Amino acid sequence: MRQLHGLALIACLAAPAAAQDRTEIVFNQASELVPWCKAEAEAHYIGQGITPFQWTARYHDRSNVLYVEGRLRVHGDDVTVNCRVARAARERHAIMEIDDPTS
């Protein structure tokens, strides 16, 4: 019985590791932030049942901060999407802000 309990414990401990097998993005250049910003903004709207389109973006860095200034076409309007992150930071530290006047 103890052996079975030990195997169950090992299975429980291994599950979180298996769930995190995707490597987290580390941003070193502003251009690397563009696809992340687009995907996060699109996911925001798709989660609400709205299909965004016509993504455009420009990017730059200032000191050690990477910036993306993007636009999506949503519900007939252009919506501004701004993303930023420190250089060499992981994606969990990136910030996305959406300026949607209808929200």
N, C-alpha and C. Protein backbone atom coordinates (compact mmCIF):
# COMPACT_ATOMS: atom_id res chain seq x y z
N MET A 1 0.82 -1.19 0.00
CA MET A 1 0.00 0.00 0.00
C MET A 1 0.87 1.26 0.00
N ARG A 2 1.95 1.24 0.75
CA ARG A 2 2.84 2.39 0.77
C ARG A 2 3.44 2.65 -0.60
N GLN A 3 3.77 1.62 -1.30
CA GLN A 3 4.36 1.78 -2.61
C GLN A 3 3.38 2.47 -3.56
N LEU A 4 2.13 2.11 -3.54
CA LEU A 4 1.13 2.74 -4.37
C LEU A 4 0.99 4.20 -4.01
N HIS A 5 0.98 4.51 -2.72
CA HIS A 5 0.88 5.90 -2.27
C HIS A 5 2.08 6.69 -2.80
N GLY A 6 3.26 6.12 -2.74
CA GLY A 6 4.46 6.79 -3.24
C GLY A 6 4.38 7.06 -4.74
N LEU A 7 3.84 6.12 -5.50
CA LEU A 7 3.69 6.32 -6.94
C LEU A 7 2.68 7.42 -7.24
N ALA A 8 1.61 7.47 -6.46
CA ALA A 8 0.61 8.53 -6.65
C ALA A 8 1.23 9.89 -6.37
N LEU A 9 2.06 9.97 -5.34
CA LEU A 9 2.73 11.22 -5.01
C LEU A 9 3.68 11.64 -6.13
N ILE A 10 4.42 10.69 -6.66
CA ILE A 10 5.33 10.99 -7.77
C ILE A 10 4.53 11.48 -8.97
N ALA A 11 3.41 10.87 -9.28
CA ALA A 11 2.57 11.29 -10.40
C ALA A 11 2.06 12.70 -10.20
N CYS A 12 1.67 13.05 -8.98
CA CYS A 12 1.19 14.40 -8.69
C CYS A 12 2.29 15.43 -8.84
N LEU A 13 3.48 15.08 -8.43
CA LEU A 13 4.60 16.00 -8.52
C LEU A 13 5.07 16.17 -9.97
N ALA A 14 4.94 15.15 -10.77
CA ALA A 14 5.38 15.20 -12.16
C ALA A 14 4.40 15.96 -13.05
N ALA A 15 3.14 15.99 -12.69
CA ALA A 15 2.13 16.64 -13.53
C ALA A 15 2.42 18.12 -13.76
N PRO A 16 2.73 18.92 -12.75
CA PRO A 16 3.02 20.33 -13.03
C PRO A 16 4.22 20.51 -13.96
N ALA A 17 5.22 19.68 -13.83
CA ALA A 17 6.39 19.78 -14.70
C ALA A 17 6.00 19.50 -16.14
N ALA A 18 5.15 18.53 -16.36
CA ALA A 18 4.72 18.20 -17.72
C ALA A 18 3.87 19.32 -18.30
N ALA A 19 3.10 19.99 -17.47
CA ALA A 19 2.25 21.08 -17.93
C ALA A 19 3.06 22.30 -18.34
N GLN A 20 4.30 22.41 -17.88
CA GLN A 20 5.13 23.57 -18.16
C GLN A 20 6.28 23.24 -19.11
N ASP A 21 6.04 22.38 -20.08
CA ASP A 21 7.12 22.01 -20.99
C ASP A 21 7.35 23.05 -22.08
N ARG A 22 6.51 24.06 -22.18
CA ARG A 22 6.70 25.15 -23.15
C ARG A 22 7.73 26.12 -22.58
N THR A 23 8.72 26.46 -23.35
CA THR A 23 9.76 27.39 -22.91
C THR A 23 9.21 28.81 -22.95
N GLU A 24 9.45 29.53 -21.89
CA GLU A 24 8.98 30.91 -21.81
C GLU A 24 9.88 31.81 -22.65
N ILE A 25 9.28 32.77 -23.34
CA ILE A 25 10.01 33.69 -24.21
C ILE A 25 10.79 34.67 -23.35
N VAL A 26 12.01 34.97 -23.77
CA VAL A 26 12.81 36.04 -23.17
C VAL A 26 13.00 37.08 -24.27
N PHE A 27 12.64 38.32 -23.99
CA PHE A 27 12.69 39.39 -25.00
C PHE A 27 14.01 40.14 -24.92
N ASN A 28 14.75 40.16 -26.01
CA ASN A 28 16.01 40.90 -26.08
C ASN A 28 15.95 42.07 -27.05
N GLN A 29 14.99 42.00 -28.00
CA GLN A 29 14.82 43.06 -28.99
C GLN A 29 13.34 43.40 -29.09
N ALA A 30 13.04 44.64 -29.40
CA ALA A 30 11.65 45.07 -29.50
C ALA A 30 10.89 44.28 -30.57
N SER A 31 11.57 43.89 -31.65
CA SER A 31 10.91 43.12 -32.71
C SER A 31 10.39 41.78 -32.20
N GLU A 32 11.02 41.23 -31.17
CA GLU A 32 10.58 39.96 -30.59
C GLU A 32 9.29 40.10 -29.80
N LEU A 33 8.98 41.31 -29.38
CA LEU A 33 7.76 41.57 -28.61
C LEU A 33 6.52 41.69 -29.50
N VAL A 34 6.72 42.00 -30.78
CA VAL A 34 5.59 42.22 -31.70
C VAL A 34 4.67 41.01 -31.81
N PRO A 35 5.15 39.79 -32.12
CA PRO A 35 4.23 38.66 -32.25
C PRO A 35 3.55 38.30 -30.92
N TRP A 36 4.24 38.47 -29.81
CA TRP A 36 3.63 38.22 -28.50
C TRP A 36 2.49 39.20 -28.27
N CYS A 37 2.72 40.47 -28.55
CA CYS A 37 1.72 41.51 -28.35
C CYS A 37 0.48 41.24 -29.21
N LYS A 38 0.70 40.90 -30.47
CA LYS A 38 -0.40 40.59 -31.38
C LYS A 38 -1.22 39.40 -30.88
N ALA A 39 -0.54 38.33 -30.49
CA ALA A 39 -1.22 37.12 -30.03
C ALA A 39 -2.03 37.39 -28.76
N GLU A 40 -1.47 38.14 -27.83
CA GLU A 40 -2.19 38.44 -26.59
C GLU A 40 -3.41 39.31 -26.85
N ALA A 41 -3.27 40.31 -27.72
CA ALA A 41 -4.40 41.19 -28.03
C ALA A 41 -5.50 40.41 -28.76
N GLU A 42 -5.13 39.59 -29.72
CA GLU A 42 -6.12 38.79 -30.43
C GLU A 42 -6.82 37.83 -29.48
N ALA A 43 -6.07 37.20 -28.59
CA ALA A 43 -6.67 36.27 -27.63
C ALA A 43 -7.67 36.98 -26.73
N HIS A 44 -7.37 38.21 -26.36
CA HIS A 44 -8.29 38.99 -25.53
C HIS A 44 -9.66 39.11 -26.20
N TYR A 45 -9.66 39.44 -27.49
CA TYR A 45 -10.94 39.61 -28.19
C TYR A 45 -11.58 38.29 -28.58
N ILE A 46 -10.79 37.34 -29.01
CA ILE A 46 -11.35 36.03 -29.38
C ILE A 46 -12.02 35.39 -28.18
N GLY A 47 -11.45 35.60 -26.99
CA GLY A 47 -12.07 35.09 -25.77
C GLY A 47 -13.44 35.70 -25.50
N GLN A 48 -13.70 36.86 -26.09
CA GLN A 48 -15.00 37.52 -25.95
C GLN A 48 -15.92 37.22 -27.13
N GLY A 49 -15.45 36.36 -28.04
CA GLY A 49 -16.25 36.01 -29.20
C GLY A 49 -16.18 37.04 -30.32
N ILE A 50 -15.17 37.91 -30.30
CA ILE A 50 -14.98 38.95 -31.31
C ILE A 50 -13.75 38.59 -32.13
N THR A 51 -13.87 38.66 -33.45
CA THR A 51 -12.74 38.36 -34.32
C THR A 51 -12.04 39.65 -34.73
N PRO A 52 -10.82 39.89 -34.24
CA PRO A 52 -10.07 41.08 -34.65
C PRO A 52 -9.35 40.83 -35.97
N PHE A 53 -8.99 41.90 -36.66
CA PHE A 53 -8.23 41.75 -37.90
C PHE A 53 -7.40 43.00 -38.16
N GLN A 54 -6.63 43.00 -39.21
CA GLN A 54 -5.78 44.11 -39.66
C GLN A 54 -4.81 44.59 -38.57
N TRP A 55 -3.97 43.72 -38.07
CA TRP A 55 -2.94 44.10 -37.10
C TRP A 55 -1.85 44.90 -37.80
N THR A 56 -1.52 46.04 -37.24
CA THR A 56 -0.35 46.81 -37.65
C THR A 56 0.41 47.19 -36.39
N ALA A 57 1.71 47.33 -36.52
CA ALA A 57 2.49 47.67 -35.32
C ALA A 57 3.79 48.34 -35.70
N ARG A 58 4.29 49.10 -34.77
CA ARG A 58 5.64 49.62 -34.85
C ARG A 58 6.28 49.36 -33.49
N TYR A 59 7.59 49.31 -33.48
CA TYR A 59 8.26 48.96 -32.24
C TYR A 59 9.53 49.79 -32.10
N HIS A 60 9.97 49.94 -30.86
CA HIS A 60 11.20 50.66 -30.57
C HIS A 60 11.65 50.30 -29.15
N ASP A 61 12.84 50.73 -28.83
CA ASP A 61 13.30 50.57 -27.46
C ASP A 61 13.81 51.91 -26.95
N ARG A 62 13.72 52.08 -25.68
CA ARG A 62 14.23 53.27 -25.02
C ARG A 62 14.93 52.79 -23.76
N SER A 63 16.22 52.99 -23.73
CA SER A 63 17.03 52.49 -22.62
C SER A 63 16.90 50.97 -22.58
N ASN A 64 16.43 50.41 -21.49
CA ASN A 64 16.28 48.95 -21.37
C ASN A 64 14.83 48.50 -21.45
N VAL A 65 13.97 49.33 -22.02
CA VAL A 65 12.56 48.98 -22.15
C VAL A 65 12.22 48.82 -23.63
N LEU A 66 11.54 47.73 -23.96
CA LEU A 66 11.10 47.43 -25.32
C LEU A 66 9.63 47.79 -25.44
N TYR A 67 9.24 48.44 -26.54
CA TYR A 67 7.87 48.91 -26.72
C TYR A 67 7.30 48.43 -28.05
N VAL A 68 6.01 48.14 -28.05
CA VAL A 68 5.24 47.90 -29.27
C VAL A 68 4.00 48.77 -29.20
N GLU A 69 3.77 49.52 -30.27
CA GLU A 69 2.55 50.31 -30.41
C GLU A 69 1.79 49.70 -31.58
N GLY A 70 0.69 49.01 -31.28
CA GLY A 70 -0.05 48.30 -32.31
C GLY A 70 -1.48 48.79 -32.44
N ARG A 71 -2.11 48.33 -33.51
CA ARG A 71 -3.53 48.62 -33.76
C ARG A 71 -4.18 47.36 -34.30
N LEU A 72 -5.40 47.13 -33.85
CA LEU A 72 -6.26 46.06 -34.36
C LEU A 72 -7.57 46.69 -34.81
N ARG A 73 -8.16 46.10 -35.81
CA ARG A 73 -9.50 46.52 -36.23
C ARG A 73 -10.48 45.61 -35.50
N VAL A 74 -11.32 46.23 -34.66
CA VAL A 74 -12.27 45.47 -33.84
C VAL A 74 -13.60 46.20 -33.86
N HIS A 75 -14.68 45.46 -34.07
CA HIS A 75 -16.05 46.00 -34.12
C HIS A 75 -16.14 47.32 -34.90
N GLY A 76 -15.42 47.36 -36.04
CA GLY A 76 -15.47 48.51 -36.93
C GLY A 76 -14.60 49.69 -36.52
N ASP A 77 -13.84 49.56 -35.45
CA ASP A 77 -12.97 50.64 -34.98
C ASP A 77 -11.52 50.18 -34.91
N ASP A 78 -10.61 51.14 -35.00
CA ASP A 78 -9.20 50.85 -34.73
C ASP A 78 -8.99 50.95 -33.22
N VAL A 79 -8.42 49.91 -32.65
CA VAL A 79 -8.17 49.84 -31.22
C VAL A 79 -6.65 49.84 -31.01
N THR A 80 -6.19 50.70 -30.12
CA THR A 80 -4.77 50.81 -29.83
C THR A 80 -4.35 49.75 -28.82
N VAL A 81 -3.23 49.08 -29.11
CA VAL A 81 -2.66 48.07 -28.23
C VAL A 81 -1.22 48.47 -27.95
N ASN A 82 -0.87 48.62 -26.69
CA ASN A 82 0.49 48.95 -26.30
C ASN A 82 1.06 47.84 -25.43
N CYS A 83 2.27 47.42 -25.76
CA CYS A 83 2.95 46.40 -24.98
C CYS A 83 4.34 46.92 -24.61
N ARG A 84 4.82 46.46 -23.46
CA ARG A 84 6.17 46.83 -23.04
C ARG A 84 6.73 45.77 -22.10
N VAL A 85 8.05 45.72 -22.07
CA VAL A 85 8.75 44.78 -21.21
C VAL A 85 10.20 45.24 -21.10
N ALA A 86 10.83 44.91 -20.02
CA ALA A 86 12.25 45.21 -19.87
C ALA A 86 13.07 44.28 -20.75
N ARG A 87 14.16 44.79 -21.28
CA ARG A 87 15.06 43.96 -22.09
C ARG A 87 15.55 42.79 -21.24
N ALA A 88 15.57 41.61 -21.81
CA ALA A 88 16.01 40.36 -21.18
C ALA A 88 15.02 39.83 -20.14
N ALA A 89 13.80 40.38 -20.12
CA ALA A 89 12.77 39.87 -19.21
C ALA A 89 11.98 38.75 -19.87
N ARG A 90 11.36 37.94 -19.04
CA ARG A 90 10.53 36.83 -19.52
C ARG A 90 9.13 37.34 -19.84
N GLU A 91 8.40 36.57 -20.65
CA GLU A 91 7.08 37.00 -21.10
C GLU A 91 6.10 37.22 -19.95
N ARG A 92 6.27 36.54 -18.84
CA ARG A 92 5.34 36.73 -17.72
C ARG A 92 5.42 38.15 -17.16
N HIS A 93 6.49 38.88 -17.50
CA HIS A 93 6.66 40.25 -17.01
C HIS A 93 6.22 41.29 -18.04
N ALA A 94 5.84 40.86 -19.22
CA ALA A 94 5.40 41.79 -20.27
C ALA A 94 4.01 42.34 -19.93
N ILE A 95 3.79 43.57 -20.34
CA ILE A 95 2.53 44.26 -20.08
C ILE A 95 1.84 44.55 -21.42
N MET A 96 0.54 44.28 -21.48
CA MET A 96 -0.25 44.64 -22.64
C MET A 96 -1.40 45.52 -22.17
N GLU A 97 -1.62 46.63 -22.84
CA GLU A 97 -2.72 47.54 -22.54
C GLU A 97 -3.52 47.77 -23.81
N ILE A 98 -4.82 47.68 -23.71
CA ILE A 98 -5.71 47.90 -24.85
C ILE A 98 -6.56 49.12 -24.55
N ASP A 99 -6.54 50.07 -25.48
CA ASP A 99 -7.36 51.28 -25.35
C ASP A 99 -8.56 51.12 -26.27
N ASP A 100 -9.62 50.53 -25.74
CA ASP A 100 -10.84 50.27 -26.50
C ASP A 100 -11.96 51.12 -25.94
N PRO A 101 -12.39 52.14 -26.70
CA PRO A 101 -13.42 53.04 -26.19
C PRO A 101 -14.77 52.37 -25.93
N THR A 102 -14.99 51.17 -26.48
CA THR A 102 -16.28 50.50 -26.25
C THR A 102 -16.28 49.63 -24.99
N SER A 103 -15.12 49.48 -24.38
CA SER A 103 -15.04 48.64 -23.17
C SER A 103 -15.29 49.44 -21.91
